[in-house]
Protein backbone atom coordinates (compact mmCIF):
# COMPACT_ATOMS: atom_id res chain seq x y z
CA UNK A 1 144.28 171.86 88.14
CA UNK A 2 142.34 172.09 85.01
CA UNK A 3 138.45 170.88 85.41
CA UNK A 4 136.76 168.81 83.66
CA UNK A 5 139.60 167.23 81.53
CA UNK A 6 138.05 165.90 78.12
CA UNK A 7 138.15 162.27 77.50
CA UNK A 8 140.39 163.11 73.39
CA UNK A 9 142.70 165.54 76.12
CA UNK A 10 143.80 161.79 78.20
CA UNK A 11 143.33 159.43 74.98
CA UNK A 12 145.98 162.22 72.67
CA UNK A 13 147.99 162.33 75.74
CA UNK A 14 148.93 158.78 76.77
CA UNK A 15 149.35 157.69 73.19
CA UNK A 16 152.55 160.32 72.96
CA UNK A 17 153.99 160.43 76.33
CA UNK A 18 153.72 156.62 76.81
CA UNK A 19 155.43 156.08 73.92
CA UNK A 20 158.27 158.84 74.59
CA UNK A 21 158.51 158.15 77.41
CA UNK A 22 159.56 154.13 77.25
CA UNK A 23 162.14 155.35 74.01
CA UNK A 24 163.91 157.39 77.29
CA UNK A 25 163.24 154.24 79.28
CA UNK A 26 164.72 152.66 76.95
CA UNK A 27 167.94 155.06 76.56
CA UNK A 28 168.17 154.75 80.15
CA UNK A 29 168.16 150.85 80.36
CA UNK A 30 171.47 151.70 77.17
CA UNK A 31 173.02 153.70 79.78
CA UNK A 32 172.27 151.42 82.96
CA UNK A 33 174.06 148.75 81.31
CA UNK A 34 177.29 150.23 80.30
CA UNK A 35 177.88 151.04 83.49
CA UNK A 36 177.30 147.55 85.50
CA UNK A 37 179.21 146.44 82.78
CA UNK A 38 182.24 148.62 83.33
CA UNK A 39 181.69 148.32 86.94
CA UNK A 40 181.68 144.78 86.70
CA UNK A 41 185.33 144.55 84.54
CA UNK A 42 186.80 147.72 86.18
CA UNK A 43 185.27 148.39 89.41
CA UNK A 44 184.44 151.63 92.05
CA UNK A 45 187.71 153.79 89.35
CA UNK A 46 185.83 152.73 85.88
CA UNK A 47 182.66 154.07 87.78
CA UNK A 48 183.98 157.19 88.83
CA UNK A 49 185.70 157.18 85.25
CA UNK A 50 182.46 157.12 83.02
CA UNK A 51 181.16 159.05 85.52
CA UNK A 52 183.43 162.05 84.71
CA UNK A 53 183.71 161.55 81.21
CA UNK A 54 180.07 160.79 80.34
CA UNK A 55 179.31 164.16 82.08
CA UNK A 56 181.45 166.42 80.84
CA UNK A 57 180.27 165.06 77.41
CA UNK A 58 176.79 166.27 78.26
CA UNK A 59 177.68 169.14 79.47
CA UNK A 60 178.20 170.90 75.82
CA UNK A 61 176.38 167.92 73.93
CA UNK A 62 173.15 167.70 75.94
CA UNK A 63 173.40 171.50 75.53
CA UNK A 64 172.31 170.71 71.90
CA UNK A 65 169.33 169.33 73.16
CA UNK A 66 167.91 173.46 72.65
CA UNK A 67 168.25 172.28 69.20
CA UNK A 68 166.10 169.65 69.43
CA UNK A 69 163.65 171.94 71.73
CA UNK A 70 163.95 174.80 69.15
CA UNK A 71 163.06 172.20 66.13
CA UNK A 72 159.90 170.27 68.02
CA UNK A 73 158.38 173.69 69.14
CA UNK A 74 158.17 175.45 65.05
CA UNK A 75 157.35 171.76 63.69
CA UNK A 76 154.32 171.49 66.08
CA UNK A 77 152.84 174.64 65.92
CA UNK A 78 153.31 174.29 61.25
CA UNK A 79 151.47 170.29 62.51
CA UNK A 80 148.94 171.93 64.46
CA UNK A 81 148.24 174.57 61.50
CA UNK A 82 147.90 171.40 59.16
CA UNK A 83 151.71 173.03 57.07
CA UNK A 84 153.04 169.31 57.04
CA UNK A 85 155.93 170.81 54.58
CA UNK A 86 156.82 173.80 57.06
CA UNK A 87 157.57 170.66 60.19
CA UNK A 88 159.84 169.09 57.43
CA UNK A 89 161.22 172.44 56.77
CA UNK A 90 162.31 173.15 60.01
CA UNK A 91 163.98 169.54 60.36
CA UNK A 92 166.20 170.42 57.31
CA UNK A 93 167.40 173.07 58.43
CA UNK A 94 167.66 172.17 62.07
CA UNK A 95 169.98 169.42 60.98
CA UNK A 96 172.48 171.90 58.76
CA UNK A 97 172.33 174.00 61.72
CA UNK A 98 173.22 170.83 63.95
CA UNK A 99 176.31 170.07 61.84
CA UNK A 100 177.59 173.20 61.31
CA UNK A 101 178.48 173.42 65.21
CA UNK A 102 178.67 169.60 65.52
CA UNK A 103 181.93 169.36 64.22
CA UNK A 104 183.61 172.01 65.42
CA UNK A 105 182.85 171.17 68.82
CA UNK A 106 184.12 167.72 68.41
CA UNK A 107 187.32 168.78 67.80
CA UNK A 108 187.31 171.53 70.91
CA UNK A 109 186.26 169.16 72.65
CA UNK A 110 188.94 166.11 72.15
CA UNK A 111 191.60 168.56 74.11
CA UNK A 112 189.31 170.19 76.11
CA UNK A 113 188.15 167.32 78.33
CA UNK A 114 191.20 165.61 78.51
CA UNK A 115 192.54 168.92 80.68
CA UNK A 116 189.56 169.12 82.46
CA UNK A 117 189.52 165.62 83.64
CA UNK A 118 193.14 166.07 85.48
CA UNK A 119 191.00 168.44 87.76
CA UNK A 120 190.05 164.91 89.28
CA UNK A 121 191.78 163.68 92.77
CA UNK A 122 192.30 159.83 91.28
CA UNK A 123 194.95 159.85 88.55
CA UNK A 124 194.03 156.44 87.71
CA UNK A 125 190.16 157.65 87.73
CA UNK A 126 191.66 161.05 85.33
CA UNK A 127 193.45 158.85 83.17
CA UNK A 128 190.37 155.89 81.85
CA UNK A 129 187.92 159.25 81.60
CA UNK A 130 190.34 160.35 79.13
CA UNK A 131 190.99 157.14 77.34
CA UNK A 132 187.04 156.26 77.59
CA UNK A 133 186.04 160.55 76.77
CA UNK A 134 188.26 159.97 73.25
CA UNK A 135 187.06 156.99 72.05
CA UNK A 136 183.63 158.40 71.93
CA UNK A 137 184.20 162.09 70.66
CA UNK A 138 183.98 160.99 67.41
CA UNK A 139 180.69 160.31 67.23
CA UNK A 140 179.85 163.47 69.41
CA UNK A 141 177.75 164.93 65.70
CA UNK A 142 175.57 162.09 64.70
CA UNK A 143 174.82 162.68 68.66
CA UNK A 144 173.14 166.44 68.11
CA UNK A 145 171.60 164.83 64.71
CA UNK A 146 169.61 162.45 66.62
CA UNK A 147 168.71 165.10 68.53
CA UNK A 148 167.22 166.92 66.03
CA UNK A 149 165.28 164.20 64.17
CA UNK A 150 163.72 162.46 67.54
CA UNK A 151 162.75 166.50 67.76
CA UNK A 152 160.61 166.23 64.58
CA UNK A 153 159.24 162.84 65.25
CA UNK A 154 158.07 163.64 68.19
CA UNK A 155 156.40 166.93 66.59
CA UNK A 156 154.31 165.32 64.48
CA UNK A 157 152.56 162.33 67.05
CA UNK A 158 155.29 159.87 65.55
CA UNK A 159 157.25 158.65 68.33
CA UNK A 160 156.91 155.34 68.39
CA UNK A 161 159.65 155.71 65.59
CA UNK A 162 161.94 157.13 67.59
CA UNK A 163 161.50 154.93 70.25
CA UNK A 164 161.25 151.54 68.26
CA UNK A 165 165.02 152.62 66.50
CA UNK A 166 166.70 153.68 69.84
CA UNK A 167 165.89 150.65 70.82
CA UNK A 168 167.98 148.65 68.07
CA UNK A 169 170.48 151.45 68.84
CA UNK A 170 171.15 151.07 72.48
CA UNK A 171 170.72 147.19 72.07
CA UNK A 172 173.63 147.35 69.96
CA UNK A 173 175.41 149.06 72.44
CA UNK A 174 175.33 147.31 74.99
CA UNK A 175 176.27 143.71 72.92
CA UNK A 176 179.41 145.81 71.77
CA UNK A 177 180.39 147.47 75.27
CA UNK A 178 179.78 143.54 76.56
CA UNK A 179 182.44 142.21 73.40
CA UNK A 180 184.73 145.32 73.53
CA UNK A 181 185.18 146.26 77.58
CA UNK A 182 185.56 142.71 78.02
CA UNK A 183 186.50 140.50 75.20
CA UNK A 184 183.62 138.81 74.85
CA UNK A 185 182.13 138.02 71.46
CA UNK A 186 185.11 137.38 69.50
CA UNK A 187 185.45 140.50 69.90
CA UNK A 188 189.44 142.02 71.05
CA UNK A 189 189.58 143.10 74.94
CA UNK A 190 189.67 147.09 74.70
CA UNK A 191 188.79 147.32 78.42
CA UNK A 192 187.12 151.44 79.10
CA UNK A 193 188.04 152.02 75.45
CA UNK A 194 186.07 149.77 74.71
CA UNK A 195 182.90 151.01 76.04
CA UNK A 196 183.27 154.45 74.47
CA UNK A 197 184.24 152.76 70.84
CA UNK A 198 180.73 150.41 71.38
CA UNK A 199 178.99 154.83 72.18
CA UNK A 200 179.96 156.08 68.43
CA UNK A 201 179.36 152.45 65.98
CA UNK A 202 175.82 152.17 68.02
CA UNK A 203 175.36 155.65 67.25
CA UNK A 204 177.01 155.56 62.98
CA UNK A 205 174.25 152.79 62.93
CA UNK A 206 171.23 154.33 64.74
CA UNK A 207 171.80 157.89 62.26
CA UNK A 208 172.30 155.75 59.28
CA UNK A 209 168.49 154.41 60.48
CA UNK A 210 166.66 157.38 61.09
CA UNK A 211 168.27 158.69 57.75
CA UNK A 212 166.80 156.19 56.02
CA UNK A 213 162.67 155.54 57.75
CA UNK A 214 163.14 159.89 56.55
CA UNK A 215 163.90 158.29 53.27
CA UNK A 216 160.85 156.83 52.72
CA UNK A 217 159.28 158.03 49.87
CA UNK A 218 155.94 158.62 52.09
CA UNK A 219 157.34 160.28 54.65
CA UNK A 220 159.33 162.23 51.71
CA UNK A 221 156.11 163.23 50.12
CA UNK A 222 154.37 164.44 52.61
CA UNK A 223 156.99 166.15 54.39
CA UNK A 224 159.19 167.52 51.66
CA UNK A 225 162.39 166.58 54.05
CA UNK A 226 166.04 165.71 52.92
CA UNK A 227 165.39 168.83 50.24
CA UNK A 228 167.89 170.85 51.57
CA UNK A 229 167.82 173.03 47.94
CA UNK A 230 164.50 173.84 48.76
CA UNK A 231 163.98 174.15 52.36
CA UNK A 232 167.19 176.43 53.15
CA UNK A 233 165.71 178.93 55.11
CA UNK A 234 167.55 181.90 56.92
CA UNK A 235 164.77 183.58 58.87
CA UNK A 236 163.85 179.76 59.56
CA UNK A 237 167.50 179.07 60.60
CA UNK A 238 167.21 182.68 62.81
CA UNK A 239 163.83 181.32 64.34
CA UNK A 240 165.31 177.95 65.43
CA UNK A 241 168.53 179.93 66.87
CA UNK A 242 166.39 182.57 68.49
CA UNK A 243 164.23 180.28 70.11
CA UNK A 244 166.96 177.75 70.84
CA UNK A 245 169.23 180.07 72.99
CA UNK A 246 168.25 180.38 76.26
CA UNK A 247 167.19 176.50 75.42
CA UNK A 248 171.20 176.09 74.92
CA UNK A 249 172.30 178.98 77.35
CA UNK A 250 170.22 176.97 80.26
CA UNK A 251 171.11 173.14 79.24
CA UNK A 252 175.33 174.65 78.83
CA UNK A 253 175.03 176.18 82.53
CA UNK A 254 172.25 173.21 83.49
CA UNK A 255 174.83 170.50 82.74
CA UNK A 256 178.01 172.48 83.82
CA UNK A 257 176.98 172.34 87.68
CA UNK A 258 176.36 169.37 87.16
CA UNK A 259 179.86 168.83 86.14
CA UNK A 260 180.92 170.73 88.50
CA UNK A 261 178.58 168.66 91.30
CA UNK A 262 180.49 165.96 90.06
CA UNK A 263 184.01 167.53 90.53
CA UNK A 264 182.31 168.73 94.64
CA UNK A 265 182.45 164.97 94.87
CA UNK A 266 185.36 163.78 93.32
CA UNK A 267 187.47 166.58 95.40
CA UNK A 268 186.19 164.85 98.88
CA UNK A 269 189.00 163.14 100.04
CA UNK A 270 187.61 159.89 100.59
CA UNK A 271 189.16 157.57 98.19
CA UNK A 272 186.85 158.86 95.73
CA UNK A 273 184.22 156.82 97.84
CA UNK A 274 181.75 159.84 96.82
CA UNK A 275 182.24 160.11 93.61
CA UNK A 276 181.54 156.54 92.83
CA UNK A 277 178.25 156.78 95.60
CA UNK A 278 177.11 160.07 92.97
CA UNK A 279 177.72 158.58 89.88
CA UNK A 280 175.60 155.12 90.98
CA UNK A 281 172.70 157.10 92.23
CA UNK A 282 172.34 159.68 89.42
CA UNK A 283 172.77 156.78 86.99
CA UNK A 284 169.95 154.79 89.30
CA UNK A 285 168.07 158.40 89.70
CA UNK A 286 167.74 158.13 85.58
CA UNK A 287 165.17 155.65 85.91
CA UNK A 288 162.95 157.79 86.53
CA UNK A 289 164.43 161.12 84.85
CA UNK A 290 164.51 159.96 81.83
CA UNK A 291 160.89 158.44 81.23
CA UNK A 292 159.31 161.96 83.04
CA UNK A 293 161.76 163.48 79.88
CA UNK A 294 159.57 161.52 78.17
CA UNK A 295 156.73 162.93 79.61
CA UNK A 296 157.40 167.06 79.10
CA UNK A 297 158.70 166.16 75.32
CA UNK A 298 155.19 165.16 74.78
CA UNK A 299 154.15 168.24 76.80
CA UNK A 300 156.20 170.37 75.10
CA UNK A 301 154.15 168.47 71.59
CA UNK A 302 150.82 168.41 72.80
CA UNK A 303 151.10 172.56 73.87
CA UNK A 304 153.08 173.86 70.71
CA UNK A 305 150.11 171.09 68.27
CA UNK A 306 147.17 173.09 70.19
CA UNK A 307 148.39 176.56 70.54
CA UNK A 308 149.53 176.41 66.28
CA UNK A 309 145.81 174.86 65.70
CA UNK A 310 144.27 178.16 68.63
CA UNK A 311 143.29 176.00 70.77
CA UNK A 312 145.33 177.40 74.24
CA UNK A 313 142.92 176.11 77.17
CA UNK A 314 143.10 172.41 75.51
CA UNK A 315 146.97 173.50 75.71
CA UNK A 316 147.24 173.58 78.80
CA UNK A 317 144.75 170.83 79.47
CA UNK A 318 147.09 169.03 77.71
CA UNK A 319 150.42 169.73 80.09
CA UNK A 320 148.29 168.82 83.28
CA UNK A 321 147.71 166.05 81.83
CA UNK A 322 151.48 164.77 81.07
CA UNK A 323 152.24 165.54 84.17
CA UNK A 324 149.75 164.12 86.39
CA UNK A 325 151.09 160.61 84.64
CA UNK A 326 154.72 161.62 85.08
CA UNK A 327 154.22 163.03 88.83
CA UNK A 328 152.03 159.49 89.43
CA UNK A 329 155.22 157.10 87.73
CA UNK A 330 157.80 159.38 89.40
CA UNK A 331 156.38 158.87 92.86
CA UNK A 332 155.47 155.51 92.58
CA UNK A 333 159.14 154.99 91.31
CA UNK A 334 160.35 156.54 94.42
CA UNK A 335 158.77 154.67 96.30
CA UNK A 336 160.09 151.63 94.90
CA UNK A 337 164.09 153.54 95.55
CA UNK A 338 163.32 154.15 99.05
CA UNK A 339 162.60 149.77 99.34
CA UNK A 340 165.10 148.28 97.27
CA UNK A 341 167.48 150.56 97.60
CA UNK A 342 170.44 148.29 98.17
CA UNK A 343 169.24 145.75 95.62
CA UNK A 344 169.35 148.64 93.29
CA UNK A 345 173.37 149.67 94.41
CA UNK A 346 174.71 146.58 94.61
CA UNK A 347 173.39 146.43 90.80
CA UNK A 348 176.21 148.73 89.81
CA UNK A 349 179.29 147.18 92.21
CA UNK A 350 180.95 144.49 91.18
CA UNK A 351 181.47 141.50 93.98
CA UNK A 352 185.20 141.54 95.19
CA UNK A 353 185.58 138.00 93.34
CA UNK A 354 184.91 139.01 89.92
CA UNK A 355 187.43 142.14 89.85
CA UNK A 356 190.31 142.04 87.84
CA UNK A 357 193.81 142.26 89.63
CA UNK A 358 194.86 146.05 90.21
CA UNK A 359 191.58 147.10 89.80
CA UNK A 360 192.05 150.37 92.17
CA UNK A 361 188.70 149.85 94.51
CA UNK A 362 189.19 147.51 97.22
CA UNK A 363 186.27 145.27 99.08
CA UNK A 364 185.95 147.78 102.00
CA UNK A 365 186.12 150.29 99.76
CA UNK A 366 183.15 148.84 97.88
CA UNK A 367 181.10 148.64 101.05
CA UNK A 368 181.52 152.29 101.82
CA UNK A 369 180.39 153.25 98.32
CA UNK A 370 177.12 150.87 98.81
CA UNK A 371 176.04 152.60 102.09
CA UNK A 372 176.63 156.08 101.23
CA UNK A 373 174.99 155.37 98.44
CA UNK A 374 172.11 153.57 100.02
CA UNK A 375 171.71 156.82 101.83
CA UNK A 376 171.49 158.87 98.48
CA UNK A 377 168.62 156.66 97.15
CA UNK A 378 166.82 157.19 100.22
CA UNK A 379 166.42 161.05 99.24
CA UNK A 380 166.11 160.72 95.70
CA UNK A 381 163.26 158.52 96.42
CA UNK A 382 161.43 161.95 98.03
CA UNK A 383 162.10 163.83 95.66
CA UNK A 384 160.28 162.23 92.66
CA UNK A 385 157.60 164.85 92.90
CA UNK A 386 159.71 167.98 92.65
CA UNK A 387 161.74 166.60 89.86
CA UNK A 388 158.00 165.40 87.72
CA UNK A 389 157.26 169.31 87.98
CA UNK A 390 160.54 170.79 87.00
CA UNK A 391 160.74 167.89 83.88
CA UNK A 392 157.46 167.48 82.19
CA UNK A 393 156.16 171.23 83.32
CA UNK A 394 159.48 173.08 82.04
CA UNK A 395 159.56 171.42 78.76
CA UNK A 396 155.72 171.85 78.48
CA UNK A 397 156.54 176.00 78.95
CA UNK A 398 159.35 175.52 76.62
CA UNK A 399 157.51 173.94 74.75
CA UNK A 400 155.17 177.31 74.01
CA UNK A 401 157.98 179.17 73.83
CA UNK A 402 158.80 180.31 77.22
CA UNK A 403 162.39 179.60 76.67
CA UNK A 404 163.89 182.76 78.53
CA UNK A 405 161.63 182.02 81.58
CA UNK A 406 162.54 178.21 81.64
CA UNK A 407 166.22 179.68 81.36
CA UNK A 408 166.02 182.24 83.54
CA UNK A 409 164.61 179.40 86.55
CA UNK A 410 167.04 177.10 85.73
CA UNK A 411 169.98 178.95 85.96
CA UNK A 412 169.10 180.30 89.42
CA UNK A 413 168.44 177.08 90.85
CA UNK A 414 171.57 176.35 89.94
CA UNK A 415 173.98 178.70 90.84
CA UNK A 416 172.37 180.53 93.81
CA UNK A 417 171.38 177.33 95.76
CA UNK A 418 172.45 174.05 94.40
CA UNK A 419 176.01 174.64 93.58
CA UNK A 420 176.49 177.41 96.67
CA UNK A 421 174.78 174.11 98.85
CA UNK A 422 176.72 171.16 97.14
CA UNK A 423 179.93 172.99 97.95
CA UNK A 424 179.36 173.77 101.58
CA UNK A 425 177.76 170.88 102.82
CA UNK A 426 180.10 168.51 101.08
CA UNK A 427 183.42 169.55 101.60
CA UNK A 428 183.11 172.07 104.91
CA UNK A 429 180.19 170.20 106.29
CA UNK A 430 182.39 167.35 105.81
CA UNK A 431 178.68 165.50 104.69
CA UNK A 432 180.46 164.18 101.49
CA UNK A 433 178.19 163.21 98.28
CA UNK A 434 174.89 163.05 100.73
CA UNK A 435 175.33 166.85 101.77
CA UNK A 436 175.54 167.14 97.46
CA UNK A 437 172.27 165.67 97.47
CA UNK A 438 170.59 167.30 99.67
CA UNK A 439 171.48 170.85 98.34
CA UNK A 440 170.18 168.92 94.48
CA UNK A 441 166.75 168.24 96.68
CA UNK A 442 167.03 171.67 97.73
CA UNK A 443 167.34 173.04 94.48
CA UNK A 444 164.32 171.66 92.96
CA UNK A 445 161.91 172.31 95.60
CA UNK A 446 163.22 175.81 94.76
CA UNK A 447 162.37 176.25 90.74
CA UNK A 448 159.71 173.60 91.19
CA UNK A 449 157.51 176.83 93.13
CA UNK A 450 158.27 179.19 90.27
CA UNK A 451 157.58 176.68 87.04
CA UNK A 452 154.48 176.16 88.57
CA UNK A 453 153.12 179.37 89.70
CA UNK A 454 154.59 179.71 86.31
CA UNK A 455 152.20 177.32 84.00
CA UNK A 456 148.96 177.98 86.30
CA UNK A 457 149.47 181.46 85.13
CA UNK A 458 148.06 182.51 81.44
CA UNK A 459 150.44 185.30 79.94
CA UNK A 460 152.03 181.50 78.32
CA UNK A 461 149.59 181.00 75.71
CA UNK A 462 149.89 184.06 73.77
CA UNK A 463 153.83 183.67 73.53
CA UNK A 464 154.25 183.43 69.52
CA UNK A 465 156.68 180.97 67.43
């Protein structure tokens, strides 16, 4: 613990952290709405399909969260130094990199995704996952670009902009998903394909809104954005790639690990019960993970800005304040997870009378899904403080440029602890989804310990970006 912490650190951290956390809470609400709509329309098989396809998308797309971290770290340093045009140049070069990499990625995913989905135990789940995924693929380059833009706004301490715009995007996505999945609002009934199309359309509209804000005269005048000819800088591109490289590997392998986690649960011979329970509880878990990620982004921003202003002690203090606020929120929510686990799980499970003819999951299976998901919710509630250390402290270290260390901790916890234990407990030990969730909790404890020790040491304050 770092004492004493000046009042202005608390105020600045709160002003930045709460809007960013709110933005990620809005993102959670959009994700939850999609799962609720699909779950009530298609039952457990629909939930399992979105869980499989959505996780696979995150494996590669969220690896490009690395670009957001890199652009944010560089732009925050330049902003802290008072060089606003250099912060804008980081955005322009980051957008260039995101488009060059994003388009080929979407083409590769179009062919790779369905091949991966065939490994699911259920043919119905694999078919629905492929349908949803292919309608979602065209929006992937735009999603990567939006991550870079969000990193820039966070770096210049304007998190309210992406928070407000994401609210509009996700409201639109929710309405389109409801209309296209079930044929409401005068739209055609497309089933799970409608959920994927709603994602793509909302991303197109969202990136358009971001561009409108960035093109405002006062923004362009102050930060010099959208001037590719002038701002194009091969050295800056190299710096972005160098800083984002370890984060990319961490995100790619981390999300690949989560996809393997989903695959492990899809191989449990219980008719998709473990996969459905895992899908539901992971979405509920986002209720704290995404806002805590917001506190982590705020910590990374403030650490970068204070290091740029040559105030390393205040950088450490701001990181601690962001972690404390996030840990309190996650701890309280963890208690709520345990107390209200049954109502939360039931939100994601369609009632038998609401299910359409031919839905793959019947009332007995839904009861088994609810029972297993409730058990997992108790476990999730108990490890929220560990999650806060991994998410918030890890992001603070990345904002300081310690991307390599955080990468190594993430890889070690994923592949030395989490996945081997998840496989062993879920399959040979026949504990199903609960066993794999227990493995995840143990891996969190391992990585949280290493990250906490690193943040307390002074070495990260001297990293150059």
